[in-house]
Protein backbone atom coordinates (compact mmCIF):
# COMPACT_ATOMS: atom_id res chain seq x y z
CA UNK A 1 0.55 8.43 -25.68
CA UNK A 2 2.93 4.87 -26.14
CA UNK A 3 3.52 3.40 -22.63
CA UNK A 4 6.19 0.41 -21.35
CA UNK A 5 3.86 -2.55 -19.61
CA UNK A 6 4.93 -4.15 -17.00
CA UNK A 7 2.78 -7.22 -15.26
CA UNK A 8 3.72 -8.15 -11.93
CA UNK A 9 2.92 -10.25 -8.99
CA UNK A 10 3.53 -9.90 -5.76
CA UNK A 11 3.73 -12.01 -3.17
CA UNK A 12 3.67 -11.05 0.96
CA UNK A 13 6.06 -12.53 2.93
CA UNK A 14 4.44 -11.04 6.31
CA UNK A 15 1.50 -10.41 6.80
CA UNK A 16 -0.27 -6.73 5.63
CA UNK A 17 -2.49 -5.25 7.88
CA UNK A 18 -5.30 -3.15 7.16
CA UNK A 19 -4.58 0.51 7.07
CA UNK A 20 -8.78 2.20 6.78
CA UNK A 21 -10.58 3.90 9.33
CA UNK A 22 -14.62 3.71 9.54
CA UNK A 23 -16.40 5.36 6.90
CA UNK A 24 -17.58 8.38 9.11
CA UNK A 25 -14.48 8.80 10.74
CA UNK A 26 -13.14 9.68 6.91
CA UNK A 27 -15.81 11.72 5.80
CA UNK A 28 -16.53 13.58 8.79
CA UNK A 29 -12.84 14.09 10.20
CA UNK A 30 -10.46 13.76 6.15
CA UNK A 31 -9.31 17.46 5.00
CA UNK A 32 -11.35 16.91 2.01
CA UNK A 33 -14.23 14.09 2.16
CA UNK A 34 -15.55 15.46 -1.09
CA UNK A 35 -12.87 13.99 -2.96
CA UNK A 36 -12.70 10.60 -1.78
CA UNK A 37 -13.70 8.79 -4.76
CA UNK A 38 -17.22 6.94 -4.10
CA UNK A 39 -15.50 3.15 -5.30
CA UNK A 40 -13.36 4.04 -1.94
CA UNK A 41 -16.38 5.48 -0.16
CA UNK A 42 -18.24 2.07 -1.15
CA UNK A 43 -15.22 0.12 0.00
CA UNK A 44 -15.50 1.30 3.36
CA UNK A 45 -16.17 -0.52 6.77
CA UNK A 46 -18.94 0.62 8.27
CA UNK A 47 -19.41 -0.65 11.13
CA UNK A 48 -15.64 -1.42 12.87
CA UNK A 49 -14.44 -1.45 16.93
CA UNK A 50 -12.84 2.21 17.57
CA UNK A 51 -9.28 2.06 17.77
CA UNK A 52 -9.76 -0.42 14.50
CA UNK A 53 -8.26 -0.50 11.06
CA UNK A 54 -9.59 -2.42 7.94
CA UNK A 55 -9.18 -2.29 4.30
CA UNK A 56 -11.30 -1.59 1.46
CA UNK A 57 -13.79 -4.62 0.78
CA UNK A 58 -15.32 -5.57 -2.70
CA UNK A 59 -17.86 -7.67 -2.43
CA UNK A 60 -16.46 -8.64 1.52
CA UNK A 61 -13.13 -9.21 0.11
CA UNK A 62 -10.20 -7.72 0.99
CA UNK A 63 -8.64 -5.03 -1.71
CA UNK A 64 -5.77 -2.04 -1.71
CA UNK A 65 -6.15 0.34 -4.28
CA UNK A 66 -3.64 1.27 -6.99
CA UNK A 67 -2.54 4.90 -4.91
CA UNK A 68 -1.51 2.16 -2.59
CA UNK A 69 0.47 0.83 -4.36
CA UNK A 70 1.66 3.70 -6.03
CA UNK A 71 2.35 5.53 -2.72
CA UNK A 72 4.60 2.52 -1.94
CA UNK A 73 6.80 2.95 -5.48
CA UNK A 74 7.10 6.42 -4.59
CA UNK A 75 8.17 6.17 -0.89
CA UNK A 76 11.62 3.38 -2.52
CA UNK A 77 11.67 5.82 -4.92
CA UNK A 78 12.95 8.56 -2.01
CA UNK A 79 14.68 6.52 -0.43
CA UNK A 80 16.26 5.32 -3.12
CA UNK A 81 17.54 8.41 -4.79
CA UNK A 82 19.40 9.61 -1.76
CA UNK A 83 21.55 6.30 -2.80
CA UNK A 84 24.40 6.44 -5.01
CA UNK A 85 23.64 3.73 -7.36
CA UNK A 86 20.71 5.04 -8.83
CA UNK A 87 21.60 7.75 -11.72
CA UNK A 88 17.80 9.37 -12.23
CA UNK A 89 17.77 12.61 -10.69
CA UNK A 90 14.08 12.97 -9.35
CA UNK A 91 13.37 9.82 -8.74
CA UNK A 92 10.47 9.99 -6.97
CA UNK A 93 8.98 12.73 -9.33
CA UNK A 94 9.66 11.25 -11.97
CA UNK A 95 7.79 7.89 -10.97
CA UNK A 96 4.82 9.88 -9.45
CA UNK A 97 4.66 11.42 -13.22
CA UNK A 98 5.82 8.93 -15.63
CA UNK A 99 4.06 5.11 -13.52
CA UNK A 100 0.64 4.20 -13.70
CA UNK A 101 -0.60 0.96 -11.35
CA UNK A 102 -3.52 -0.52 -12.60
CA UNK A 103 -6.17 -1.47 -12.55
CA UNK A 104 -7.54 0.62 -9.65
CA UNK A 105 -8.91 -2.36 -7.37
CA UNK A 106 -6.55 -5.20 -6.80
CA UNK A 107 -7.99 -7.84 -5.41
CA UNK A 108 -5.76 -9.62 -2.44
CA UNK A 109 -5.44 -13.21 -2.57
CA UNK A 110 -5.69 -14.91 -0.46
CA UNK A 111 -3.98 -18.32 1.04
CA UNK A 112 -6.24 -21.23 0.14
CA UNK A 113 -8.46 -21.74 3.63
CA UNK A 114 -7.13 -18.73 5.85
CA UNK A 115 -9.48 -15.28 6.27
CA UNK A 116 -8.73 -12.30 7.84
CA UNK A 117 -7.48 -12.14 11.38
CA UNK A 118 -6.65 -9.02 13.62
CA UNK A 119 -3.41 -8.05 14.96
CA UNK A 120 -3.43 -5.61 18.63
CA UNK A 121 -0.81 -3.71 19.21
CA UNK A 122 0.44 -0.86 22.16
CA UNK A 123 1.17 2.12 20.31
CA UNK A 124 3.25 5.05 21.60
CA UNK A 125 1.62 8.82 20.93
CA UNK A 126 3.17 12.34 21.70
CA UNK A 127 0.23 14.86 22.51
CA UNK A 128 0.09 18.44 23.59
CA UNK A 129 -0.34 16.74 27.36
CA UNK A 130 2.52 14.29 26.99
CA UNK A 131 3.37 10.56 26.19
CA UNK A 132 0.48 8.50 25.64
CA UNK A 133 -0.58 4.72 24.99
CA UNK A 134 -3.15 2.91 23.05
CA UNK A 135 -4.24 -0.52 22.02
CA UNK A 136 -3.95 -0.48 18.28
CA UNK A 137 -6.13 -2.95 16.21
CA UNK A 138 -6.34 -4.23 12.77
CA UNK A 139 -7.27 -6.29 10.40
CA UNK A 140 -4.21 -8.79 8.86
CA UNK A 141 -4.05 -10.54 6.20
CA UNK A 142 -1.60 -13.99 6.01
CA UNK A 143 1.61 -14.83 4.95
CA UNK A 144 1.51 -16.14 0.93
CA UNK A 145 -1.38 -13.63 0.58
CA UNK A 146 -0.76 -12.74 -3.33
CA UNK A 147 -1.43 -9.68 -5.86
CA UNK A 148 -1.45 -8.75 -9.07
CA UNK A 149 -1.40 -5.97 -11.31
CA UNK A 150 0.46 -3.65 -14.09
CA UNK A 151 2.86 -0.75 -14.13
CA UNK A 152 2.68 1.67 -17.30
CA UNK A 153 5.29 3.75 -18.05
CA UNK A 154 5.43 6.31 -20.29
CA UNK A 155 8.07 5.36 -23.05
CA UNK A 156 11.13 7.98 -22.77
CA UNK A 157 10.39 7.66 -19.14
CA UNK A 158 14.00 7.56 -17.56
CA UNK A 159 11.84 5.06 -15.58
CA UNK A 160 13.78 1.34 -16.86
CA UNK A 161 13.24 -2.31 -15.78
CA UNK A 162 15.67 -2.30 -13.29
CA UNK A 163 15.08 0.52 -11.84
CA UNK A 164 11.45 -0.79 -11.49
CA UNK A 165 13.19 -4.27 -9.84
CA UNK A 166 15.39 -1.46 -7.62
CA UNK A 167 12.55 0.12 -5.93
CA UNK A 168 9.89 -3.05 -5.33
CA UNK A 169 13.42 -4.97 -4.02
CA UNK A 170 12.49 -2.70 -1.42
CA UNK A 171 9.32 -3.95 -0.49
CA UNK A 172 11.60 -6.75 1.35
CA UNK A 173 12.36 -4.78 3.74
CA UNK A 174 9.46 -1.57 4.19
CA UNK A 175 6.47 -3.73 2.58
CA UNK A 176 2.59 -1.94 2.25
CA UNK A 177 0.21 -1.08 5.03
CA UNK A 178 -0.23 -0.80 8.76
CA UNK A 179 2.94 -0.67 10.68
CA UNK A 180 5.95 -0.96 7.79
CA UNK A 181 8.70 0.24 9.74
CA UNK A 182 8.33 -3.11 11.96
CA UNK A 183 8.26 -5.06 8.46
CA UNK A 184 4.29 -6.11 8.10
CA UNK A 185 3.50 -6.36 4.53
CA UNK A 186 7.13 -7.28 3.46
CA UNK A 187 6.63 -9.29 0.12
CA UNK A 188 8.61 -10.62 -3.73
CA UNK A 189 7.83 -9.99 -6.39
CA UNK A 190 7.86 -11.10 -9.72
CA UNK A 191 8.13 -8.17 -12.97
CA UNK A 192 7.91 -9.00 -16.43
């Protein structure tokens, strides 16, 4: 099967917030815990303060998994599919079936001299007992953090380089990670 391969580099222009719960929550409360891949489970923290989300970590360093980037691309495709500028029907479905992000584990390259920090913020929730507010806490990596990966597109797909540029351009508005709607995780990119 032939593919066109694009090399992508992303630089975050806003802090990225970790989105992972601790290991015991994932294994006890996931709808299908047996479907969690071993490498993903091994990259989760065993002990984390309550109401804190973290990054997966490999050898103590924060990483993203490829499905997090592909999830961003699928969400961007859903949004752009409704715009008149996009001429690909069922764009989200085409991204899901024709686009592959590699490698599976994508290291977050923090700027020299920086480290993971935390961001605390209030969160509002509607519960059966009415609205509630709770304090949320997330690990963050700073502005200037970078990731590099490849996007492979099946030959013959309507997903062109121009479409990928449009999808990735959406990242300047809605990023990757927790609290995306506030602009966290927004990024710029290069694609070759």
